[in-house]
PDB file of N, CA and C in Angstrom:
ATOM      1  N   MET A   1       0.836  -1.179   0.000  1.00  0.00           N
ATOM      2  CA  MET A   1       0.000   0.000   0.000  1.00  0.00           C
ATOM      3  C   MET A   1       0.889   1.255   0.000  1.00  0.00           C
ATOM      4  N   ILE A   2       0.569   2.190  -0.868  1.00  0.00           N
ATOM      5  CA  ILE A   2       1.316   3.444  -0.960  1.00  0.00           C
ATOM      6  C   ILE A   2       0.800   4.408   0.101  1.00  0.00           C
ATOM      7  N   LYS A   3       1.722   4.951   0.863  1.00  0.00           N
ATOM      8  CA  LYS A   3       1.394   5.940   1.894  1.00  0.00           C
ATOM      9  C   LYS A   3       2.063   7.253   1.511  1.00  0.00           C
ATOM     10  N   THR A   4       1.279   8.316   1.339  1.00  0.00           N
ATOM     11  CA  THR A   4       1.829   9.637   1.053  1.00  0.00           C
ATOM     12  C   THR A   4       1.983  10.388   2.366  1.00  0.00           C
ATOM     13  N   PHE A   5       3.214  10.815   2.648  1.00  0.00           N
ATOM     14  CA  PHE A   5       3.524  11.494   3.895  1.00  0.00           C
ATOM     15  C   PHE A   5       3.410  13.010   3.791  1.00  0.00           C
ATOM     16  N   GLY A   6       3.507  13.533   2.573  1.00  0.00           N
ATOM     17  CA  GLY A   6       3.394  14.980   2.443  1.00  0.00           C
ATOM     18  C   GLY A   6       3.808  15.487   1.082  1.00  0.00           C
ATOM     19  N   LYS A   7       3.648  16.808   0.945  1.00  0.00           N
ATOM     20  CA  LYS A   7       4.039  17.529  -0.264  1.00  0.00           C
ATOM     21  C   LYS A   7       5.250  18.387   0.071  1.00  0.00           C
ATOM     22  N   HIS A   8       6.213  18.395  -0.843  1.00  0.00           N
ATOM     23  CA  HIS A   8       7.446  19.163  -0.653  1.00  0.00           C
ATOM     24  C   HIS A   8       7.661  20.005  -1.911  1.00  0.00           C
ATOM     25  N   TYR A   9       7.599  21.315  -1.764  1.00  0.00           N
ATOM     26  CA  TYR A   9       7.819  22.229  -2.883  1.00  0.00           C
ATOM     27  C   TYR A   9       9.125  22.974  -2.647  1.00  0.00           C
ATOM     28  N   ILE A  10       9.962  22.994  -3.655  1.00  0.00           N
ATOM     29  CA  ILE A  10      11.202  23.765  -3.643  1.00  0.00           C
ATOM     30  C   ILE A  10      11.056  24.803  -4.754  1.00  0.00           C
ATOM     31  N   VAL A  11      11.074  26.081  -4.363  1.00  0.00           N
ATOM     32  CA  VAL A  11      10.754  27.151  -5.313  1.00  0.00           C
ATOM     33  C   VAL A  11      11.873  28.172  -5.347  1.00  0.00           C
ATOM     34  N   ASP A  12      12.317  28.515  -6.551  1.00  0.00           N
ATOM     35  CA  ASP A  12      13.306  29.563  -6.781  1.00  0.00           C
ATOM     36  C   ASP A  12      12.580  30.760  -7.394  1.00  0.00           C
ATOM     37  N   TYR A  13      12.650  31.896  -6.702  1.00  0.00           N
ATOM     38  CA  TYR A  13      12.026  33.131  -7.190  1.00  0.00           C
ATOM     39  C   TYR A  13      13.108  34.027  -7.777  1.00  0.00           C
ATOM     40  N   ILE A  14      12.840  34.541  -8.972  1.00  0.00           N
ATOM     41  CA  ILE A  14      13.824  35.278  -9.750  1.00  0.00           C
ATOM     42  C   ILE A  14      13.330  36.706  -9.964  1.00  0.00           C
ATOM     43  N   GLY A  15      14.256  37.665  -9.890  1.00  0.00           N
ATOM     44  CA  GLY A  15      13.909  39.064 -10.139  1.00  0.00           C
ATOM     45  C   GLY A  15      13.079  39.680  -9.031  1.00  0.00           C
ATOM     46  N   CYS A  16      13.398  39.337  -7.792  1.00  0.00           N
ATOM     47  CA  CYS A  16      12.644  39.849  -6.641  1.00  0.00           C
ATOM     48  C   CYS A  16      13.063  41.281  -6.303  1.00  0.00           C
ATOM     49  N   ASN A  17      12.196  41.967  -5.588  1.00  0.00           N
ATOM     50  CA  ASN A  17      12.478  43.312  -5.109  1.00  0.00           C
ATOM     51  C   ASN A  17      13.612  43.242  -4.077  1.00  0.00           C
ATOM     52  N   LYS A  18      14.737  43.868  -4.380  1.00  0.00           N
ATOM     53  CA  LYS A  18      15.933  43.748  -3.539  1.00  0.00           C
ATOM     54  C   LYS A  18      15.751  44.396  -2.169  1.00  0.00           C
ATOM     55  N   ASP A  19      14.975  45.454  -2.082  1.00  0.00           N
ATOM     56  CA  ASP A  19      14.733  46.077  -0.776  1.00  0.00           C
ATOM     57  C   ASP A  19      13.936  45.138   0.132  1.00  0.00           C
ATOM     58  N   ILE A  20      12.941  44.478  -0.435  1.00  0.00           N
ATOM     59  CA  ILE A  20      12.116  43.556   0.349  1.00  0.00           C
ATOM     60  C   ILE A  20      12.947  42.369   0.815  1.00  0.00           C
ATOM     61  N   ILE A  21      13.717  41.780  -0.091  1.00  0.00           N
ATOM     62  CA  ILE A  21      14.417  40.539   0.265  1.00  0.00           C
ATOM     63  C   ILE A  21      15.668  40.765   1.113  1.00  0.00           C
ATOM     64  N   ASN A  22      16.007  42.042   1.354  1.00  0.00           N
ATOM     65  CA  ASN A  22      17.108  42.334   2.263  1.00  0.00           C
ATOM     66  C   ASN A  22      16.610  42.808   3.623  1.00  0.00           C
ATOM     67  N   SER A  23      15.317  42.769   3.850  1.00  0.00           N
ATOM     68  CA  SER A  23      14.736  43.226   5.108  1.00  0.00           C
ATOM     69  C   SER A  23      14.256  42.037   5.935  1.00  0.00           C
ATOM     70  N   ILE A  24      14.887  41.808   7.069  1.00  0.00           N
ATOM     71  CA  ILE A  24      14.461  40.709   7.943  1.00  0.00           C
ATOM     72  C   ILE A  24      13.012  40.898   8.374  1.00  0.00           C
ATOM     73  N   ASP A  25      12.619  42.141   8.638  1.00  0.00           N
ATOM     74  CA  ASP A  25      11.233  42.398   9.057  1.00  0.00           C
ATOM     75  C   ASP A  25      10.241  42.046   7.951  1.00  0.00           C
ATOM     76  N   ASP A  26      10.551  42.467   6.710  1.00  0.00           N
ATOM     77  CA  ASP A  26       9.660  42.144   5.587  1.00  0.00           C
ATOM     78  C   ASP A  26       9.594  40.643   5.347  1.00  0.00           C
ATOM     79  N   ILE A  27      10.742  39.980   5.363  1.00  0.00           N
ATOM     80  CA  ILE A  27      10.776  38.536   5.095  1.00  0.00           C
ATOM     81  C   ILE A  27      10.004  37.772   6.161  1.00  0.00           C
ATOM     82  N   GLU A  28      10.210  38.111   7.417  1.00  0.00           N
ATOM     83  CA  GLU A  28       9.478  37.420   8.485  1.00  0.00           C
ATOM     84  C   GLU A  28       7.971  37.652   8.358  1.00  0.00           C
ATOM     85  N   GLU A  29       7.580  38.891   8.066  1.00  0.00           N
ATOM     86  CA  GLU A  29       6.154  39.203   7.906  1.00  0.00           C
ATOM     87  C   GLU A  29       5.552  38.436   6.731  1.00  0.00           C
ATOM     88  N   ILE A  30       6.280  38.367   5.624  1.00  0.00           N
ATOM     89  CA  ILE A  30       5.801  37.647   4.438  1.00  0.00           C
ATOM     90  C   ILE A  30       5.644  36.162   4.749  1.00  0.00           C
ATOM     91  N   MET A  31       6.658  35.579   5.356  1.00  0.00           N
ATOM     92  CA  MET A  31       6.594  34.144   5.674  1.00  0.00           C
ATOM     93  C   MET A  31       5.404  33.830   6.585  1.00  0.00           C
ATOM     94  N   ILE A  32       5.239  34.605   7.637  1.00  0.00           N
ATOM     95  CA  ILE A  32       4.141  34.367   8.579  1.00  0.00           C
ATOM     96  C   ILE A  32       2.793  34.596   7.905  1.00  0.00           C
ATOM     97  N   SER A  33       2.692  35.652   7.114  1.00  0.00           N
ATOM     98  CA  SER A  33       1.447  35.964   6.420  1.00  0.00           C
ATOM     99  C   SER A  33       1.031  34.836   5.478  1.00  0.00           C
ATOM    100  N   VAL A  34       1.963  34.361   4.656  1.00  0.00           N
ATOM    101  CA  VAL A  34       1.634  33.285   3.709  1.00  0.00           C
ATOM    102  C   VAL A  34       1.268  32.006   4.460  1.00  0.00           C
ATOM    103  N   ALA A  35       2.027  31.670   5.482  1.00  0.00           N
ATOM    104  CA  ALA A  35       1.731  30.461   6.262  1.00  0.00           C
ATOM    105  C   ALA A  35       0.314  30.521   6.840  1.00  0.00           C
ATOM    106  N   LYS A  36      -0.071  31.685   7.339  1.00  0.00           N
ATOM    107  CA  LYS A  36      -1.429  31.843   7.886  1.00  0.00           C
ATOM    108  C   LYS A  36      -2.487  31.779   6.788  1.00  0.00           C
ATOM    109  N   GLN A  37      -2.197  32.385   5.634  1.00  0.00           N
ATOM    110  CA  GLN A  37      -3.174  32.421   4.540  1.00  0.00           C
ATOM    111  C   GLN A  37      -3.456  31.040   3.952  1.00  0.00           C
ATOM    112  N   VAL A  38      -2.513  30.108   4.106  1.00  0.00           N
ATOM    113  CA  VAL A  38      -2.756  28.741   3.613  1.00  0.00           C
ATOM    114  C   VAL A  38      -3.113  27.792   4.758  1.00  0.00           C
ATOM    115  N   ASN A  39      -3.428  28.383   5.911  1.00  0.00           N
ATOM    116  CA  ASN A  39      -3.973  27.643   7.059  1.00  0.00           C
ATOM    117  C   ASN A  39      -3.023  26.641   7.700  1.00  0.00           C
ATOM    118  N   THR A  40      -1.744  27.030   7.821  1.00  0.00           N
ATOM    119  CA  THR A  40      -0.824  26.222   8.611  1.00  0.00           C
ATOM    120  C   THR A  40      -0.853  26.724  10.053  1.00  0.00           C
ATOM    121  N   THR A  41      -0.327  25.931  10.952  1.00  0.00           N
ATOM    122  CA  THR A  41      -0.268  26.290  12.365  1.00  0.00           C
ATOM    123  C   THR A  41       1.188  26.550  12.738  1.00  0.00           C
ATOM    124  N   ILE A  42       1.527  27.808  12.977  1.00  0.00           N
ATOM    125  CA  ILE A  42       2.900  28.187  13.271  1.00  0.00           C
ATOM    126  C   ILE A  42       3.237  27.833  14.716  1.00  0.00           C
ATOM    127  N   ILE A  43       4.343  27.104  14.871  1.00  0.00           N
ATOM    128  CA  ILE A  43       4.835  26.709  16.191  1.00  0.00           C
ATOM    129  C   ILE A  43       5.930  27.678  16.652  1.00  0.00           C
ATOM    130  N   SER A  44       6.901  27.949  15.763  1.00  0.00           N
ATOM    131  CA  SER A  44       7.975  28.883  16.098  1.00  0.00           C
ATOM    132  C   SER A  44       8.607  29.412  14.818  1.00  0.00           C
ATOM    133  N   SER A  45       9.405  30.478  14.997  1.00  0.00           N
ATOM    134  CA  SER A  45      10.105  31.054  13.848  1.00  0.00           C
ATOM    135  C   SER A  45      11.482  31.532  14.288  1.00  0.00           C
ATOM    136  N   ASN A  46      12.400  31.554  13.323  1.00  0.00           N
ATOM    137  CA  ASN A  46      13.740  32.061  13.580  1.00  0.00           C
ATOM    138  C   ASN A  46      14.273  32.653  12.276  1.00  0.00           C
ATOM    139  N   PHE A  47      14.692  33.912  12.327  1.00  0.00           N
ATOM    140  CA  PHE A  47      15.195  34.603  11.148  1.00  0.00           C
ATOM    141  C   PHE A  47      16.521  35.264  11.477  1.00  0.00           C
ATOM    142  N   ASN A  48      17.392  35.355  10.463  1.00  0.00           N
ATOM    143  CA  ASN A  48      18.707  35.953  10.648  1.00  0.00           C
ATOM    144  C   ASN A  48      19.006  36.908   9.497  1.00  0.00           C
ATOM    145  N   GLN A  49      19.492  38.099   9.834  1.00  0.00           N
ATOM    146  CA  GLN A  49      19.945  39.083   8.854  1.00  0.00           C
ATOM    147  C   GLN A  49      21.445  38.923   8.674  1.00  0.00           C
ATOM    148  N   PHE A  50      21.901  38.767   7.429  1.00  0.00           N
ATOM    149  CA  PHE A  50      23.324  38.687   7.137  1.00  0.00           C
ATOM    150  C   PHE A  50      23.816  40.052   6.676  1.00  0.00           C
ATOM    151  N   TYR A  51      25.091  40.307   6.887  1.00  0.00           N
ATOM    152  CA  TYR A  51      25.671  41.591   6.485  1.00  0.00           C
ATOM    153  C   TYR A  51      26.822  41.336   5.534  1.00  0.00           C
ATOM    154  N   PRO A  52      26.914  42.039   4.409  1.00  0.00           N
ATOM    155  CA  PRO A  52      26.171  43.266   4.176  1.00  0.00           C
ATOM    156  C   PRO A  52      24.719  43.056   3.735  1.00  0.00           C
ATOM    157  N   TYR A  53      24.320  41.853   3.332  1.00  0.00           N
ATOM    158  CA  TYR A  53      22.929  41.657   2.932  1.00  0.00           C
ATOM    159  C   TYR A  53      22.570  40.188   2.901  1.00  0.00           C
ATOM    160  N   GLY A  54      21.261  39.960   2.931  1.00  0.00           N
ATOM    161  CA  GLY A  54      20.712  38.609   2.881  1.00  0.00           C
ATOM    162  C   GLY A  54      19.970  38.248   4.150  1.00  0.00           C
ATOM    163  N   VAL A  55      18.969  37.414   3.985  1.00  0.00           N
ATOM    164  CA  VAL A  55      18.141  36.958   5.098  1.00  0.00           C
ATOM    165  C   VAL A  55      17.903  35.458   4.929  1.00  0.00           C
ATOM    166  N   SER A  56      17.941  34.736   6.039  1.00  0.00           N
ATOM    167  CA  SER A  56      17.531  33.326   6.065  1.00  0.00           C
ATOM    168  C   SER A  56      16.559  33.152   7.215  1.00  0.00           C
ATOM    169  N   GLY A  57      15.628  32.235   7.039  1.00  0.00           N
ATOM    170  CA  GLY A  57      14.678  32.016   8.118  1.00  0.00           C
ATOM    171  C   GLY A  57      13.930  30.712   7.984  1.00  0.00           C
ATOM    172  N   VAL A  58      13.317  30.339   9.094  1.00  0.00           N
ATOM    173  CA  VAL A  58      12.533  29.109   9.136  1.00  0.00           C
ATOM    174  C   VAL A  58      11.278  29.326   9.962  1.00  0.00           C
ATOM    175  N   LEU A  59      10.199  28.756   9.486  1.00  0.00           N
ATOM    176  CA  LEU A  59       8.976  28.631  10.267  1.00  0.00           C
ATOM    177  C   LEU A  59       8.800  27.149  10.548  1.00  0.00           C
ATOM    178  N   ILE A  60       8.699  26.804  11.810  1.00  0.00           N
ATOM    179  CA  ILE A  60       8.316  25.449  12.175  1.00  0.00           C
ATOM    180  C   ILE A  60       6.800  25.490  12.317  1.00  0.00           C
ATOM    181  N   ILE A  61       6.136  24.676  11.555  1.00  0.00           N
ATOM    182  CA  ILE A  61       4.673  24.612  11.589  1.00  0.00           C
ATOM    183  C   ILE A  61       4.280  23.206  12.026  1.00  0.00           C
ATOM    184  N   SER A  62       3.103  23.075  12.570  1.00  0.00           N
ATOM    185  CA  SER A  62       2.710  21.741  13.031  1.00  0.00           C
ATOM    186  C   SER A  62       2.661  20.759  11.869  1.00  0.00           C
ATOM    187  N   GLU A  63       2.497  21.263  10.657  1.00  0.00           N
ATOM    188  CA  GLU A  63       2.447  20.425   9.461  1.00  0.00           C
ATOM    189  C   GLU A  63       3.829  20.142   8.887  1.00  0.00           C
ATOM    190  N   SER A  64       4.885  20.790   9.352  1.00  0.00           N
ATOM    191  CA  SER A  64       6.290  20.559   9.023  1.00  0.00           C
ATOM    192  C   SER A  64       7.070  21.864   9.024  1.00  0.00           C
ATOM    193  N   HIS A  65       7.431  22.438   7.825  1.00  0.00           N
ATOM    194  CA  HIS A  65       8.260  23.645   7.828  1.00  0.00           C
ATOM    195  C   HIS A  65       8.158  24.453   6.541  1.00  0.00           C
ATOM    196  N   PHE A  66       8.515  25.738   6.648  1.00  0.00           N
ATOM    197  CA  PHE A  66       8.780  26.640   5.524  1.00  0.00           C
ATOM    198  C   PHE A  66      10.155  27.246   5.807  1.00  0.00           C
ATOM    199  N   THR A  67      11.047  27.267   4.815  1.00  0.00           N
ATOM    200  CA  THR A  67      12.332  27.948   4.968  1.00  0.00           C
ATOM    201  C   THR A  67      12.550  28.922   3.815  1.00  0.00           C
ATOM    202  N   ILE A  68      13.420  29.909   4.071  1.00  0.00           N
ATOM    203  CA  ILE A  68      13.721  30.916   3.044  1.00  0.00           C
ATOM    204  C   ILE A  68      15.182  31.323   3.143  1.00  0.00           C
ATOM    205  N   HIS A  69      15.793  31.604   1.982  1.00  0.00           N
ATOM    206  CA  HIS A  69      17.145  32.151   1.900  1.00  0.00           C
ATOM    207  C   HIS A  69      17.132  33.168   0.763  1.00  0.00           C
ATOM    208  N   THR A  70      17.733  34.341   1.003  1.00  0.00           N
ATOM    209  CA  THR A  70      17.740  35.380  -0.034  1.00  0.00           C
ATOM    210  C   THR A  70      19.156  35.682  -0.487  1.00  0.00           C
ATOM    211  N   TRP A  71      19.308  35.950  -1.772  1.00  0.00           N
ATOM    212  CA  TRP A  71      20.544  36.416  -2.384  1.00  0.00           C
ATOM    213  C   TRP A  71      20.218  37.777  -2.995  1.00  0.00           C
ATOM    214  N   VAL A  72      20.475  38.818  -2.233  1.00  0.00           N
ATOM    215  CA  VAL A  72      20.041  40.154  -2.611  1.00  0.00           C
ATOM    216  C   VAL A  72      20.701  40.628  -3.900  1.00  0.00           C
ATOM    217  N   ASP A  73      22.014  40.415  -4.041  1.00  0.00           N
ATOM    218  CA  ASP A  73      22.727  40.849  -5.255  1.00  0.00           C
ATOM    219  C   ASP A  73      22.037  40.372  -6.519  1.00  0.00           C
ATOM    220  N   GLU A  74      21.515  39.170  -6.462  1.00  0.00           N
ATOM    221  CA  GLU A  74      20.922  38.537  -7.639  1.00  0.00           C
ATOM    222  C   GLU A  74      19.407  38.696  -7.710  1.00  0.00           C
ATOM    223  N   GLY A  75      18.798  39.247  -6.673  1.00  0.00           N
ATOM    224  CA  GLY A  75      17.330  39.332  -6.637  1.00  0.00           C
ATOM    225  C   GLY A  75      16.701  37.952  -6.583  1.00  0.00           C
ATOM    226  N   PHE A  76      17.404  37.011  -5.939  1.00  0.00           N
ATOM    227  CA  PHE A  76      17.018  35.596  -5.940  1.00  0.00           C
ATOM    228  C   PHE A  76      16.603  35.151  -4.536  1.00  0.00           C
ATOM    229  N   VAL A  77      15.543  34.365  -4.484  1.00  0.00           N
ATOM    230  CA  VAL A  77      15.048  33.815  -3.219  1.00  0.00           C
ATOM    231  C   VAL A  77      14.742  32.332  -3.406  1.00  0.00           C
ATOM    232  N   ALA A  78      15.203  31.521  -2.464  1.00  0.00           N
ATOM    233  CA  ALA A  78      14.893  30.084  -2.458  1.00  0.00           C
ATOM    234  C   ALA A  78      13.977  29.807  -1.268  1.00  0.00           C
ATOM    235  N   ILE A  79      12.847  29.167  -1.560  1.00  0.00           N
ATOM    236  CA  ILE A  79      11.888  28.800  -0.517  1.00  0.00           C
ATOM    237  C   ILE A  79      11.623  27.308  -0.594  1.00  0.00           C
ATOM    238  N   ASP A  80      11.612  26.680   0.577  1.00  0.00           N
ATOM    239  CA  ASP A  80      11.344  25.251   0.715  1.00  0.00           C
ATOM    240  C   ASP A  80      10.112  25.106   1.603  1.00  0.00           C
ATOM    241  N   MET A  81       9.111  24.406   1.113  1.00  0.00           N
ATOM    242  CA  MET A  81       7.887  24.192   1.884  1.00  0.00           C
ATOM    243  C   MET A  81       7.572  22.700   1.925  1.00  0.00           C
ATOM    244  N   PHE A  82       7.433  22.176   3.116  1.00  0.00           N
ATOM    245  CA  PHE A  82       7.034  20.779   3.288  1.00  0.00           C
ATOM    246  C   PHE A  82       5.837  20.756   4.223  1.00  0.00           C
ATOM    247  N   VAL A  83       4.789  20.048   3.798  1.00  0.00           N
ATOM    248  CA  VAL A  83       3.596  19.899   4.639  1.00  0.00           C
ATOM    249  C   VAL A  83       3.122  18.456   4.598  1.00  0.00           C
ATOM    250  N   CYS A  84       2.728  17.959   5.753  1.00  0.00           N
ATOM    251  CA  CYS A  84       2.194  16.601   5.815  1.00  0.00           C
ATOM    252  C   CYS A  84       0.672  16.593   5.703  1.00  0.00           C
ATOM    253  N   ASP A  85       0.055  17.765   5.769  1.00  0.00           N
ATOM    254  CA  ASP A  85      -1.390  17.890   5.570  1.00  0.00           C
ATOM    255  C   ASP A  85      -1.627  18.137   4.085  1.00  0.00           C
ATOM    256  N   LEU A  86      -2.121  17.120   3.396  1.00  0.00           N
ATOM    257  CA  LEU A  86      -2.261  17.205   1.937  1.00  0.00           C
ATOM    258  C   LEU A  86      -3.321  18.208   1.490  1.00  0.00           C
ATOM    259  N   ASP A  87      -4.142  18.687   2.413  1.00  0.00           N
ATOM    260  CA  ASP A  87      -5.163  19.682   2.072  1.00  0.00           C
ATOM    261  C   ASP A  87      -4.614  21.105   2.031  1.00  0.00           C
ATOM    262  N   ILE A  88      -3.413  21.324   2.532  1.00  0.00           N
ATOM    263  CA  ILE A  88      -2.826  22.667   2.480  1.00  0.00           C
ATOM    264  C   ILE A  88      -2.451  22.972   1.035  1.00  0.00           C
ATOM    265  N   ASP A  89      -2.850  24.151   0.580  1.00  0.00           N
ATOM    266  CA  ASP A  89      -2.689  24.544  -0.818  1.00  0.00           C
ATOM    267  C   ASP A  89      -1.339  25.229  -1.040  1.00  0.00           C
ATOM    268  N   LEU A  90      -0.312  24.424  -1.313  1.00  0.00           N
ATOM    269  CA  LEU A  90       1.015  24.992  -1.556  1.00  0.00           C
ATOM    270  C   LEU A  90       1.076  25.758  -2.872  1.00  0.00           C
ATOM    271  N   ASP A  91       0.222  25.433  -3.833  1.00  0.00           N
ATOM    272  CA  ASP A  91       0.189  26.208  -5.078  1.00  0.00           C
ATOM    273  C   ASP A  91      -0.231  27.651  -4.788  1.00  0.00           C
ATOM    274  N   LYS A  92      -1.184  27.819  -3.874  1.00  0.00           N
ATOM    275  CA  LYS A  92      -1.589  29.165  -3.455  1.00  0.00           C
ATOM    276  C   LYS A  92      -0.424  29.865  -2.764  1.00  0.00           C
ATOM    277  N   ALA A  93       0.310  29.149  -1.916  1.00  0.00           N
ATOM    278  CA  ALA A  93       1.468  29.728  -1.235  1.00  0.00           C
ATOM    279  C   ALA A  93       2.508  30.205  -2.244  1.00  0.00           C
ATOM    280  N   VAL A  94       2.750  29.416  -3.279  1.00  0.00           N
ATOM    281  CA  VAL A  94       3.728  29.787  -4.315  1.00  0.00           C
ATOM    282  C   VAL A  94       3.352  31.129  -4.936  1.00  0.00           C
ATOM    283  N   GLU A  95       2.084  31.299  -5.278  1.00  0.00           N
ATOM    284  CA  GLU A  95       1.627  32.542  -5.903  1.00  0.00           C
ATOM    285  C   GLU A  95       1.671  33.715  -4.920  1.00  0.00           C
ATOM    286  N   LEU A  96       1.303  33.472  -3.671  1.00  0.00           N
ATOM    287  CA  LEU A  96       1.363  34.538  -2.665  1.00  0.00           C
ATOM    288  C   LEU A  96       2.801  35.016  -2.472  1.00  0.00           C
ATOM    289  N   PHE A  97       3.744  34.085  -2.387  1.00  0.00           N
ATOM    290  CA  PHE A  97       5.149  34.478  -2.258  1.00  0.00           C
ATOM    291  C   PHE A  97       5.599  35.277  -3.477  1.00  0.00           C
ATOM    292  N   LYS A  98       5.188  34.873  -4.668  1.00  0.00           N
ATOM    293  CA  LYS A  98       5.570  35.601  -5.886  1.00  0.00           C
ATOM    294  C   LYS A  98       5.101  37.049  -5.815  1.00  0.00           C
ATOM    295  N   GLN A  99       3.860  37.240  -5.404  1.00  0.00           N
ATOM    296  CA  GLN A  99       3.311  38.597  -5.296  1.00  0.00           C
ATOM    297  C   GLN A  99       4.050  39.404  -4.236  1.00  0.00           C
ATOM    298  N   LYS A 100       4.220  38.834  -3.056  1.00  0.00           N
ATOM    299  CA  LYS A 100       4.782  39.571  -1.928  1.00  0.00           C
ATOM    300  C   LYS A 100       6.274  39.878  -2.097  1.00  0.00           C
ATOM    301  N   LEU A 101       6.995  39.010  -2.789  1.00  0.00           N
ATOM    302  CA  LEU A 101       8.419  39.240  -3.064  1.00  0.00           C
ATOM    303  C   LEU A 101       8.616  40.099  -4.309  1.00  0.00           C
ATOM    304  N   GLN A 102       7.518  40.358  -5.020  1.00  0.00           N
ATOM    305  CA  GLN A 102       7.531  41.094  -6.288  1.00  0.00           C
ATOM    306  C   GLN A 102       8.481  40.431  -7.282  1.00  0.00           C
ATOM    307  N   ALA A 103       8.399  39.098  -7.323  1.00  0.00           N
ATOM    308  CA  ALA A 103       9.255  38.317  -8.219  1.00  0.00           C
ATOM    309  C   ALA A 103       8.755  38.421  -9.651  1.00  0.00           C
ATOM    310  N   LYS A 104       9.687  38.442 -10.566  1.00  0.00           N
ATOM    311  CA  LYS A 104       9.321  38.454 -11.986  1.00  0.00           C
ATOM    312  C   LYS A 104       8.918  37.071 -12.461  1.00  0.00           C
ATOM    313  N   ASN A 105       9.525  36.044 -11.854  1.00  0.00           N
ATOM    314  CA  ASN A 105       9.266  34.675 -12.295  1.00  0.00           C
ATOM    315  C   ASN A 105       9.678  33.708 -11.191  1.00  0.00           C
ATOM    316  N   TYR A 106       9.364  32.434 -11.408  1.00  0.00           N
ATOM    317  CA  TYR A 106       9.828  31.407 -10.486  1.00  0.00           C
ATOM    318  C   TYR A 106       9.914  30.076 -11.209  1.00  0.00           C
ATOM    319  N   LYS A 107      10.687  29.179 -10.624  1.00  0.00           N
ATOM    320  CA  LYS A 107      10.699  27.797 -11.083  1.00  0.00           C
ATOM    321  C   LYS A 107      10.471  26.931  -9.854  1.00  0.00           C
ATOM    322  N   ILE A 108       9.836  25.800 -10.068  1.00  0.00           N
ATOM    323  CA  ILE A 108       9.368  25.006  -8.938  1.00  0.00           C
ATOM    324  C   ILE A 108       9.642  23.530  -9.157  1.00  0.00           C
ATOM    325  N   LYS A 109       9.964  22.856  -8.071  1.00  0.00           N
ATOM    326  CA  LYS A 109      10.080  21.400  -8.069  1.00  0.00           C
ATOM    327  C   LYS A 109       9.079  20.899  -7.036  1.00  0.00           C
ATOM    328  N   LYS A 110       8.165  20.043  -7.472  1.00  0.00           N
ATOM    329  CA  LYS A 110       7.148  19.485  -6.588  1.00  0.00           C
ATOM    330  C   LYS A 110       7.452  18.012  -6.343  1.00  0.00           C
ATOM    331  N   ILE A 111       7.486  17.640  -5.076  1.00  0.00           N
ATOM    332  CA  ILE A 111       7.805  16.265  -4.705  1.00  0.00           C
ATOM    333  C   ILE A 111       6.698  15.742  -3.799  1.00  0.00           C
ATOM    334  N   MET A 112       6.181  14.584  -4.128  1.00  0.00           N
ATOM    335  CA  MET A 112       5.252  13.907  -3.212  1.00  0.00           C
ATOM    336  C   MET A 112       6.090  12.938  -2.402  1.00  0.00           C
ATOM    337  N   ARG A 113       6.060  13.103  -1.082  1.00  0.00           N
ATOM    338  CA  ARG A 113       6.831  12.231  -0.179  1.00  0.00           C
ATOM    339  C   ARG A 113       5.989  11.005   0.143  1.00  0.00           C
ATOM    340  N   ASP A 114       6.514   9.832  -0.261  1.00  0.00           N
ATOM    341  CA  ASP A 114       5.768   8.593  -0.045  1.00  0.00           C
ATOM    342  C   ASP A 114       6.732   7.448   0.201  1.00  0.00           C
ATOM    343  N   ASN A 115       6.191   6.251   0.371  1.00  0.00           N
ATOM    344  CA  ASN A 115       7.017   5.094   0.704  1.00  0.00           C
ATOM    345  C   ASN A 115       7.319   4.200  -0.494  1.00  0.00           C
ATOM    346  N   ILE A 116       7.223   4.773  -1.701  1.00  0.00           N
ATOM    347  CA  ILE A 116       7.572   4.011  -2.910  1.00  0.00           C
ATOM    348  C   ILE A 116       9.094   4.050  -3.092  1.00  0.00           C
ATOM    349  N   LEU A 117       9.696   2.899  -3.318  1.00  0.00           N
ATOM    350  CA  LEU A 117      11.154   2.866  -3.554  1.00  0.00           C
ATOM    351  C   LEU A 117      11.461   3.042  -5.016  1.00  0.00           C
TER     352      LEU A 117
END
């Protein structure tokens, strides 16, 4: 019997607003906002501002996690989302992040986590 444990999306956002992606406050607000809008349950968060630029962060959610890393010079953001609740709409999250980061484009890898070898 095939058991699906969750959905894992790895998304690269290209051409993002450099002011937004270099702000720890903006990144944390965006991450929390999107997580809430797709009905995840936030357990904890941790974000770090790098100097001269860049932000990394993680949201631990009861359904698993969302992580983010920014490369300000390139206007590039990498987001990793894993959820074990298959009803959570990660496609909606992808679009919300695109809007909030003001990304020009993105590429995505979608993985279904299951017990198939």
